Amino acid sequence: MTNEYTRAENQKRIRSWLILMGVIFFVVLVALFKDMDEKRAWLSSEPASAQLQELQAAGEPALVYFHSPDCSSCNQVKASLDEVYPTFKNNVTMLEVDVTDMRERDLVEQTGVQTTPTLLLVDAGGNVKLIVGEISPQDLRGELEALIGGAP
C-alpha cells in the first residue's frame, strides 16, 4: 500500500511539473511570436522619408521627431510629445526617426539633422521648421498650433 501511495504521489508531482512546464512553454511561444510580429512590422514599414513625401504631396502637416537611443534630452522631448501630441493627432501626422537606423539615413541627411533631439515641422504648404534640443510642452503646443493654423 505504501509503495502504491508513493507511486501515485510521484505521478501527481510529475503531472504537476508537466503542466507547469507546458504553461511556461506556451507563454514563451506567445512572447516569441508577438516579438516576431513587431519585428516583421518594423522590417516591412516604409521609411519615414517616403511617408513624409506622401504627406507633403497630400498637403498634410507633419511632425518628424528625430531621436537616438543614447540621447538623454530625447526623453524630455518624448515626454513633451506624449503629453501634447494626442490633442493634435487628428490634425498632424507624427513620424519618429531613429537617426542610427540606416534605413532613415537619407532623411537625416536631407534635413541636415546633426543633433538629437530635433523636431521637423512641415506645414500643409510644405514650409519647414527645425527645432533642435529640448522643448517644453507649452512651447510644443504653441508650435503645433502654429503648424495647423490654430488650436485643434
N, C-alpha and C. Protein backbone atom coordinates (compact mmCIF):
# COMPACT_ATOMS: atom_id res chain seq x y z
N MET A 1 0.82 -1.19 0.00
CA MET A 1 0.00 0.00 0.00
C MET A 1 0.86 1.26 0.00
N THR A 2 1.92 1.27 0.77
CA THR A 2 2.80 2.42 0.84
C THR A 2 3.48 2.66 -0.50
N ASN A 3 3.85 1.56 -1.14
CA ASN A 3 4.51 1.65 -2.43
C ASN A 3 3.57 2.25 -3.48
N GLU A 4 2.30 1.82 -3.48
CA GLU A 4 1.32 2.36 -4.41
C GLU A 4 1.04 3.84 -4.12
N TYR A 5 0.99 4.16 -2.85
CA TYR A 5 0.75 5.55 -2.45
C TYR A 5 1.90 6.44 -2.91
N THR A 6 3.13 6.01 -2.74
CA THR A 6 4.31 6.76 -3.16
C THR A 6 4.31 6.92 -4.68
N ARG A 7 3.96 5.85 -5.39
CA ARG A 7 3.92 5.92 -6.85
C ARG A 7 2.84 6.92 -7.30
N ALA A 8 1.70 6.91 -6.68
CA ALA A 8 0.60 7.84 -7.03
C ALA A 8 1.02 9.28 -6.74
N GLU A 9 1.69 9.49 -5.63
CA GLU A 9 2.17 10.84 -5.29
C GLU A 9 3.21 11.32 -6.31
N ASN A 10 4.12 10.43 -6.70
CA ASN A 10 5.13 10.78 -7.70
C ASN A 10 4.47 11.12 -9.03
N GLN A 11 3.46 10.36 -9.41
CA GLN A 11 2.75 10.63 -10.66
C GLN A 11 2.06 12.00 -10.61
N LYS A 12 1.46 12.33 -9.47
CA LYS A 12 0.82 13.64 -9.31
C LYS A 12 1.85 14.75 -9.42
N ARG A 13 3.01 14.56 -8.78
CA ARG A 13 4.08 15.54 -8.83
C ARG A 13 4.57 15.74 -10.26
N ILE A 14 4.78 14.63 -10.96
CA ILE A 14 5.25 14.69 -12.34
C ILE A 14 4.20 15.37 -13.22
N ARG A 15 2.94 15.03 -13.02
CA ARG A 15 1.87 15.65 -13.78
C ARG A 15 1.82 17.16 -13.53
N SER A 16 2.00 17.55 -12.29
CA SER A 16 2.01 18.98 -11.96
C SER A 16 3.17 19.71 -12.63
N TRP A 17 4.33 19.07 -12.61
CA TRP A 17 5.51 19.67 -13.26
C TRP A 17 5.31 19.77 -14.77
N LEU A 18 4.74 18.74 -15.36
CA LEU A 18 4.49 18.76 -16.79
C LEU A 18 3.50 19.86 -17.17
N ILE A 19 2.48 20.04 -16.39
CA ILE A 19 1.51 21.12 -16.64
C ILE A 19 2.19 22.47 -16.51
N LEU A 20 2.98 22.63 -15.46
CA LEU A 20 3.69 23.88 -15.25
C LEU A 20 4.65 24.16 -16.40
N MET A 21 5.39 23.16 -16.83
CA MET A 21 6.33 23.34 -17.94
C MET A 21 5.58 23.66 -19.24
N GLY A 22 4.44 23.04 -19.44
CA GLY A 22 3.63 23.32 -20.62
C GLY A 22 3.15 24.75 -20.64
N VAL A 23 2.71 25.26 -19.49
CA VAL A 23 2.26 26.65 -19.39
C VAL A 23 3.42 27.60 -19.66
N ILE A 24 4.57 27.34 -19.08
CA ILE A 24 5.75 28.19 -19.30
C ILE A 24 6.14 28.17 -20.78
N PHE A 25 6.14 26.99 -21.38
CA PHE A 25 6.47 26.85 -22.80
C PHE A 25 5.49 27.66 -23.66
N PHE A 26 4.22 27.59 -23.33
CA PHE A 26 3.19 28.33 -24.07
C PHE A 26 3.41 29.83 -23.95
N VAL A 27 3.70 30.31 -22.76
CA VAL A 27 3.94 31.75 -22.55
C VAL A 27 5.15 32.21 -23.34
N VAL A 28 6.21 31.41 -23.34
CA VAL A 28 7.42 31.76 -24.10
C VAL A 28 7.11 31.81 -25.59
N LEU A 29 6.36 30.85 -26.09
CA LEU A 29 6.00 30.84 -27.51
C LEU A 29 5.18 32.07 -27.88
N VAL A 30 4.21 32.42 -27.05
CA VAL A 30 3.40 33.61 -27.32
C VAL A 30 4.28 34.85 -27.36
N ALA A 31 5.19 34.97 -26.41
CA ALA A 31 6.09 36.13 -26.38
C ALA A 31 6.97 36.18 -27.62
N LEU A 32 7.48 35.04 -28.05
CA LEU A 32 8.32 34.99 -29.25
C LEU A 32 7.54 35.38 -30.49
N PHE A 33 6.33 34.87 -30.64
CA PHE A 33 5.54 35.21 -31.82
C PHE A 33 5.14 36.67 -31.81
N LYS A 34 4.84 37.20 -30.64
CA LYS A 34 4.49 38.62 -30.55
C LYS A 34 5.69 39.46 -30.95
N ASP A 35 6.86 39.10 -30.46
CA ASP A 35 8.08 39.82 -30.81
C ASP A 35 8.36 39.72 -32.30
N MET A 36 8.13 38.55 -32.89
CA MET A 36 8.35 38.38 -34.32
C MET A 36 7.40 39.27 -35.13
N ASP A 37 6.15 39.40 -34.69
CA ASP A 37 5.20 40.27 -35.39
C ASP A 37 5.67 41.71 -35.36
N GLU A 38 6.17 42.16 -34.20
CA GLU A 38 6.66 43.53 -34.10
C GLU A 38 7.86 43.75 -34.99
N LYS A 39 8.77 42.78 -35.05
CA LYS A 39 9.95 42.90 -35.91
C LYS A 39 9.55 42.87 -37.37
N ARG A 40 8.60 42.01 -37.72
CA ARG A 40 8.16 41.92 -39.09
C ARG A 40 7.52 43.24 -39.52
N ALA A 41 6.72 43.85 -38.65
CA ALA A 41 6.11 45.14 -38.95
C ALA A 41 7.19 46.19 -39.13
N TRP A 42 8.23 46.14 -38.30
CA TRP A 42 9.32 47.10 -38.41
C TRP A 42 10.06 46.91 -39.73
N LEU A 43 10.30 45.66 -40.10
CA LEU A 43 11.04 45.39 -41.33
C LEU A 43 10.26 45.78 -42.57
N SER A 44 8.95 45.65 -42.51
CA SER A 44 8.15 45.95 -43.69
C SER A 44 7.66 47.39 -43.71
N SER A 45 7.92 48.15 -42.65
CA SER A 45 7.44 49.52 -42.61
C SER A 45 8.19 50.39 -43.61
N GLU A 46 7.46 51.34 -44.12
CA GLU A 46 8.01 52.26 -45.10
C GLU A 46 8.92 53.27 -44.41
N PRO A 47 10.05 53.60 -44.99
CA PRO A 47 10.92 54.60 -44.37
C PRO A 47 10.19 55.93 -44.18
N ALA A 48 10.59 56.66 -43.17
CA ALA A 48 9.93 57.93 -42.85
C ALA A 48 10.05 58.92 -44.01
N SER A 49 11.13 58.86 -44.78
CA SER A 49 11.29 59.79 -45.90
C SER A 49 10.16 59.60 -46.92
N ALA A 50 9.79 58.35 -47.21
CA ALA A 50 8.70 58.08 -48.14
C ALA A 50 7.36 58.52 -47.56
N GLN A 51 7.18 58.26 -46.27
CA GLN A 51 5.94 58.68 -45.62
C GLN A 51 5.81 60.21 -45.62
N LEU A 52 6.92 60.89 -45.38
CA LEU A 52 6.92 62.35 -45.37
C LEU A 52 6.60 62.89 -46.76
N GLN A 53 7.17 62.29 -47.79
CA GLN A 53 6.88 62.72 -49.16
C GLN A 53 5.40 62.56 -49.48
N GLU A 54 4.81 61.45 -49.05
CA GLU A 54 3.38 61.22 -49.28
C GLU A 54 2.54 62.27 -48.56
N LEU A 55 2.91 62.59 -47.34
CA LEU A 55 2.18 63.61 -46.58
C LEU A 55 2.29 64.98 -47.24
N GLN A 56 3.50 65.32 -47.70
CA GLN A 56 3.71 66.60 -48.36
C GLN A 56 2.91 66.67 -49.66
N ALA A 57 2.89 65.59 -50.41
CA ALA A 57 2.15 65.55 -51.67
C ALA A 57 0.65 65.72 -51.42
N ALA A 58 0.18 65.21 -50.30
CA ALA A 58 -1.24 65.32 -49.95
C ALA A 58 -1.56 66.66 -49.27
N GLY A 59 -0.53 67.46 -48.98
CA GLY A 59 -0.74 68.74 -48.32
C GLY A 59 -1.13 68.61 -46.86
N GLU A 60 -0.63 67.56 -46.21
CA GLU A 60 -0.95 67.33 -44.80
C GLU A 60 0.24 67.72 -43.93
N PRO A 61 -0.03 68.40 -42.80
CA PRO A 61 1.07 68.77 -41.90
C PRO A 61 1.68 67.55 -41.22
N ALA A 62 2.97 67.65 -40.95
CA ALA A 62 3.68 66.53 -40.34
C ALA A 62 4.66 67.03 -39.29
N LEU A 63 4.91 66.18 -38.33
CA LEU A 63 5.91 66.41 -37.29
C LEU A 63 6.84 65.21 -37.33
N VAL A 64 8.12 65.46 -37.55
CA VAL A 64 9.10 64.37 -37.57
C VAL A 64 9.99 64.54 -36.34
N TYR A 65 10.02 63.50 -35.52
CA TYR A 65 10.80 63.50 -34.28
C TYR A 65 12.06 62.67 -34.50
N PHE A 66 13.21 63.34 -34.58
CA PHE A 66 14.50 62.68 -34.74
C PHE A 66 15.09 62.44 -33.35
N HIS A 67 15.43 61.21 -33.08
CA HIS A 67 15.99 60.84 -31.77
C HIS A 67 17.05 59.77 -31.95
N SER A 68 17.74 59.47 -30.85
CA SER A 68 18.72 58.38 -30.86
C SER A 68 18.64 57.65 -29.52
N PRO A 69 19.05 56.39 -29.51
CA PRO A 69 18.91 55.59 -28.29
C PRO A 69 19.69 56.12 -27.09
N ASP A 70 20.83 56.74 -27.32
CA ASP A 70 21.67 57.18 -26.20
C ASP A 70 21.48 58.65 -25.85
N CYS A 71 20.40 59.25 -26.30
CA CYS A 71 20.15 60.67 -26.10
C CYS A 71 19.30 60.90 -24.86
N SER A 72 19.87 61.54 -23.85
CA SER A 72 19.10 61.80 -22.63
C SER A 72 18.09 62.92 -22.81
N SER A 73 18.40 63.91 -23.62
CA SER A 73 17.46 65.01 -23.87
C SER A 73 16.25 64.52 -24.66
N CYS A 74 16.42 63.45 -25.41
CA CYS A 74 15.30 62.89 -26.18
C CYS A 74 14.18 62.44 -25.26
N ASN A 75 14.52 62.00 -24.05
CA ASN A 75 13.50 61.57 -23.10
C ASN A 75 12.59 62.74 -22.71
N GLN A 76 13.16 63.92 -22.54
CA GLN A 76 12.36 65.10 -22.21
C GLN A 76 11.44 65.47 -23.37
N VAL A 77 11.97 65.44 -24.58
CA VAL A 77 11.16 65.78 -25.76
C VAL A 77 10.06 64.74 -25.94
N LYS A 78 10.40 63.46 -25.75
CA LYS A 78 9.41 62.40 -25.88
C LYS A 78 8.29 62.60 -24.85
N ALA A 79 8.65 63.01 -23.64
CA ALA A 79 7.63 63.27 -22.61
C ALA A 79 6.72 64.42 -23.04
N SER A 80 7.30 65.47 -23.62
CA SER A 80 6.50 66.60 -24.12
C SER A 80 5.58 66.13 -25.24
N LEU A 81 6.11 65.31 -26.15
CA LEU A 81 5.29 64.79 -27.25
C LEU A 81 4.16 63.92 -26.71
N ASP A 82 4.48 63.06 -25.75
CA ASP A 82 3.45 62.19 -25.18
C ASP A 82 2.34 62.99 -24.51
N GLU A 83 2.69 64.13 -23.96
CA GLU A 83 1.70 64.97 -23.28
C GLU A 83 0.86 65.77 -24.27
N VAL A 84 1.49 66.32 -25.30
CA VAL A 84 0.83 67.28 -26.18
C VAL A 84 0.25 66.65 -27.45
N TYR A 85 0.97 65.72 -28.05
CA TYR A 85 0.57 65.21 -29.37
C TYR A 85 -0.82 64.60 -29.43
N PRO A 86 -1.29 63.87 -28.42
CA PRO A 86 -2.63 63.28 -28.54
C PRO A 86 -3.72 64.29 -28.90
N THR A 87 -3.58 65.52 -28.47
CA THR A 87 -4.55 66.56 -28.81
C THR A 87 -4.52 66.88 -30.31
N PHE A 88 -3.36 66.71 -30.94
CA PHE A 88 -3.17 67.10 -32.34
C PHE A 88 -3.16 65.91 -33.31
N LYS A 89 -3.32 64.70 -32.80
CA LYS A 89 -3.12 63.52 -33.65
C LYS A 89 -4.08 63.46 -34.83
N ASN A 90 -5.22 64.11 -34.76
CA ASN A 90 -6.15 64.12 -35.89
C ASN A 90 -5.80 65.18 -36.93
N ASN A 91 -4.89 66.10 -36.57
CA ASN A 91 -4.54 67.20 -37.46
C ASN A 91 -3.10 67.13 -37.99
N VAL A 92 -2.23 66.42 -37.27
CA VAL A 92 -0.81 66.36 -37.63
C VAL A 92 -0.36 64.90 -37.53
N THR A 93 0.35 64.44 -38.55
CA THR A 93 0.91 63.09 -38.52
C THR A 93 2.32 63.17 -37.95
N MET A 94 2.59 62.33 -36.96
CA MET A 94 3.93 62.30 -36.36
C MET A 94 4.69 61.08 -36.87
N LEU A 95 5.92 61.32 -37.27
CA LEU A 95 6.84 60.25 -37.68
C LEU A 95 8.02 60.27 -36.71
N GLU A 96 8.42 59.11 -36.25
CA GLU A 96 9.58 59.01 -35.36
C GLU A 96 10.73 58.42 -36.15
N VAL A 97 11.89 59.07 -36.06
CA VAL A 97 13.06 58.63 -36.81
C VAL A 97 14.23 58.43 -35.85
N ASP A 98 14.70 57.19 -35.77
CA ASP A 98 15.92 56.89 -35.02
C ASP A 98 17.08 57.19 -35.96
N VAL A 99 17.88 58.18 -35.63
CA VAL A 99 18.96 58.61 -36.53
C VAL A 99 20.04 57.54 -36.71
N THR A 100 20.05 56.52 -35.86
CA THR A 100 21.03 55.44 -36.01
C THR A 100 20.53 54.34 -36.94
N ASP A 101 19.27 54.43 -37.34
CA ASP A 101 18.69 53.45 -38.26
C ASP A 101 19.14 53.79 -39.67
N MET A 102 19.88 52.91 -40.29
CA MET A 102 20.44 53.17 -41.62
C MET A 102 19.37 53.35 -42.69
N ARG A 103 18.18 52.78 -42.47
CA ARG A 103 17.09 52.96 -43.43
C ARG A 103 16.63 54.42 -43.47
N GLU A 104 16.90 55.16 -42.43
CA GLU A 104 16.46 56.55 -42.34
C GLU A 104 17.58 57.53 -42.68
N ARG A 105 18.73 57.03 -43.08
CA ARG A 105 19.90 57.87 -43.34
C ARG A 105 19.60 58.97 -44.36
N ASP A 106 18.86 58.66 -45.43
CA ASP A 106 18.55 59.66 -46.46
C ASP A 106 17.81 60.86 -45.88
N LEU A 107 16.80 60.59 -45.07
CA LEU A 107 16.02 61.69 -44.49
C LEU A 107 16.87 62.51 -43.54
N VAL A 108 17.69 61.85 -42.75
CA VAL A 108 18.57 62.57 -41.82
C VAL A 108 19.50 63.50 -42.60
N GLU A 109 20.05 63.02 -43.68
CA GLU A 109 20.96 63.84 -44.49
C GLU A 109 20.22 64.95 -45.22
N GLN A 110 19.04 64.65 -45.77
CA GLN A 110 18.25 65.66 -46.49
C GLN A 110 17.87 66.84 -45.59
N THR A 111 17.52 66.53 -44.36
CA THR A 111 17.07 67.58 -43.45
C THR A 111 18.23 68.27 -42.74
N GLY A 112 19.41 67.69 -42.80
CA GLY A 112 20.57 68.29 -42.16
C GLY A 112 20.61 68.10 -40.66
N VAL A 113 19.88 67.12 -40.16
CA VAL A 113 19.86 66.87 -38.72
C VAL A 113 21.23 66.37 -38.28
N GLN A 114 21.80 67.07 -37.30
CA GLN A 114 23.11 66.69 -36.78
C GLN A 114 23.09 66.41 -35.29
N THR A 115 22.01 66.85 -34.65
CA THR A 115 21.90 66.72 -33.20
C THR A 115 20.53 66.17 -32.85
N THR A 116 20.48 65.33 -31.84
CA THR A 116 19.19 64.87 -31.34
C THR A 116 19.01 65.41 -29.93
N PRO A 117 17.80 65.70 -29.56
CA PRO A 117 16.56 65.59 -30.32
C PRO A 117 16.37 66.77 -31.28
N THR A 118 15.73 66.49 -32.40
CA THR A 118 15.35 67.51 -33.35
C THR A 118 13.93 67.24 -33.81
N LEU A 119 13.15 68.30 -33.89
CA LEU A 119 11.79 68.20 -34.43
C LEU A 119 11.77 68.91 -35.77
N LEU A 120 11.17 68.28 -36.76
CA LEU A 120 10.97 68.87 -38.07
C LEU A 120 9.48 69.07 -38.23
N LEU A 121 9.06 70.32 -38.38
CA LEU A 121 7.66 70.64 -38.56
C LEU A 121 7.44 71.03 -40.01
N VAL A 122 6.51 70.36 -40.68
CA VAL A 122 6.20 70.65 -42.08
C VAL A 122 4.72 70.99 -42.16
N ASP A 123 4.42 72.23 -42.58
CA ASP A 123 3.02 72.62 -42.66
C ASP A 123 2.39 72.15 -43.97
N ALA A 124 1.10 72.41 -44.14
CA ALA A 124 0.36 71.93 -45.31
C ALA A 124 0.92 72.51 -46.61
N GLY A 125 1.56 73.67 -46.54
CA GLY A 125 2.14 74.28 -47.72
C GLY A 125 3.55 73.80 -48.02
N GLY A 126 4.09 72.94 -47.18
CA GLY A 126 5.43 72.42 -47.40
C GLY A 126 6.53 73.23 -46.73
N ASN A 127 6.16 74.27 -45.98
CA ASN A 127 7.15 75.07 -45.26
C ASN A 127 7.70 74.25 -44.10
N VAL A 128 9.02 74.36 -43.90
CA VAL A 128 9.71 73.52 -42.93
C VAL A 128 10.30 74.37 -41.81
N LYS A 129 10.22 73.83 -40.59
CA LYS A 129 10.85 74.47 -39.44
C LYS A 129 11.55 73.39 -38.63
N LEU A 130 12.82 73.63 -38.29
CA LEU A 130 13.58 72.71 -37.44
C LEU A 130 13.67 73.27 -36.04
N ILE A 131 13.43 72.42 -35.06
CA ILE A 131 13.60 72.79 -33.65
C ILE A 131 14.62 71.81 -33.07
N VAL A 132 15.76 72.32 -32.65
CA VAL A 132 16.83 71.47 -32.13
C VAL A 132 16.88 71.60 -30.62
N GLY A 133 16.94 70.48 -29.93
CA GLY A 133 17.07 70.47 -28.48
C GLY A 133 15.74 70.25 -27.78
N GLU A 134 15.78 70.46 -26.48
CA GLU A 134 14.60 70.23 -25.66
C GLU A 134 13.54 71.29 -25.93
N ILE A 135 12.29 70.91 -25.69
CA ILE A 135 11.17 71.83 -25.85
C ILE A 135 10.13 71.50 -24.78
N SER A 136 9.59 72.54 -24.17
CA SER A 136 8.60 72.32 -23.13
C SER A 136 7.25 71.97 -23.76
N PRO A 137 6.38 71.35 -22.99
CA PRO A 137 5.05 71.03 -23.53
C PRO A 137 4.30 72.29 -23.99
N GLN A 138 4.45 73.39 -23.27
CA GLN A 138 3.76 74.62 -23.65
C GLN A 138 4.28 75.14 -24.99
N ASP A 139 5.60 75.15 -25.16
CA ASP A 139 6.19 75.61 -26.42
C ASP A 139 5.82 74.68 -27.56
N LEU A 140 5.81 73.39 -27.31
CA LEU A 140 5.44 72.42 -28.33
C LEU A 140 3.99 72.63 -28.75
N ARG A 141 3.13 72.86 -27.79
CA ARG A 141 1.72 73.11 -28.10
C ARG A 141 1.60 74.34 -29.00
N GLY A 142 2.34 75.40 -28.67
CA GLY A 142 2.31 76.61 -29.49
C GLY A 142 2.82 76.35 -30.90
N GLU A 143 3.88 75.56 -31.04
CA GLU A 143 4.42 75.24 -32.36
C GLU A 143 3.42 74.43 -33.19
N LEU A 144 2.77 73.47 -32.55
CA LEU A 144 1.79 72.64 -33.28
C LEU A 144 0.56 73.45 -33.66
N GLU A 145 0.14 74.37 -32.81
CA GLU A 145 -0.99 75.25 -33.14
C GLU A 145 -0.62 76.13 -34.34
N ALA A 146 0.60 76.65 -34.34
CA ALA A 146 1.05 77.46 -35.48
C ALA A 146 1.13 76.61 -36.74
N LEU A 147 1.52 75.36 -36.59
CA LEU A 147 1.65 74.46 -37.73
C LEU A 147 0.31 74.23 -38.44
N ILE A 148 -0.75 74.08 -37.65
CA ILE A 148 -2.06 73.79 -38.24
C ILE A 148 -2.92 75.05 -38.38
N GLY A 149 -2.39 76.19 -37.95
CA GLY A 149 -3.14 77.43 -38.10
C GLY A 149 -4.17 77.68 -37.01
N GLY A 150 -3.93 77.18 -35.84
CA GLY A 150 -4.84 77.40 -34.71
C GLY A 150 -4.95 76.17 -33.85
N ALA A 151 -5.80 76.27 -32.83
CA ALA A 151 -5.99 75.14 -31.92
C ALA A 151 -6.76 74.02 -32.63
N PRO A 152 -6.50 72.78 -32.25
CA PRO A 152 -7.20 71.65 -32.90
C PRO A 152 -8.68 71.61 -32.56
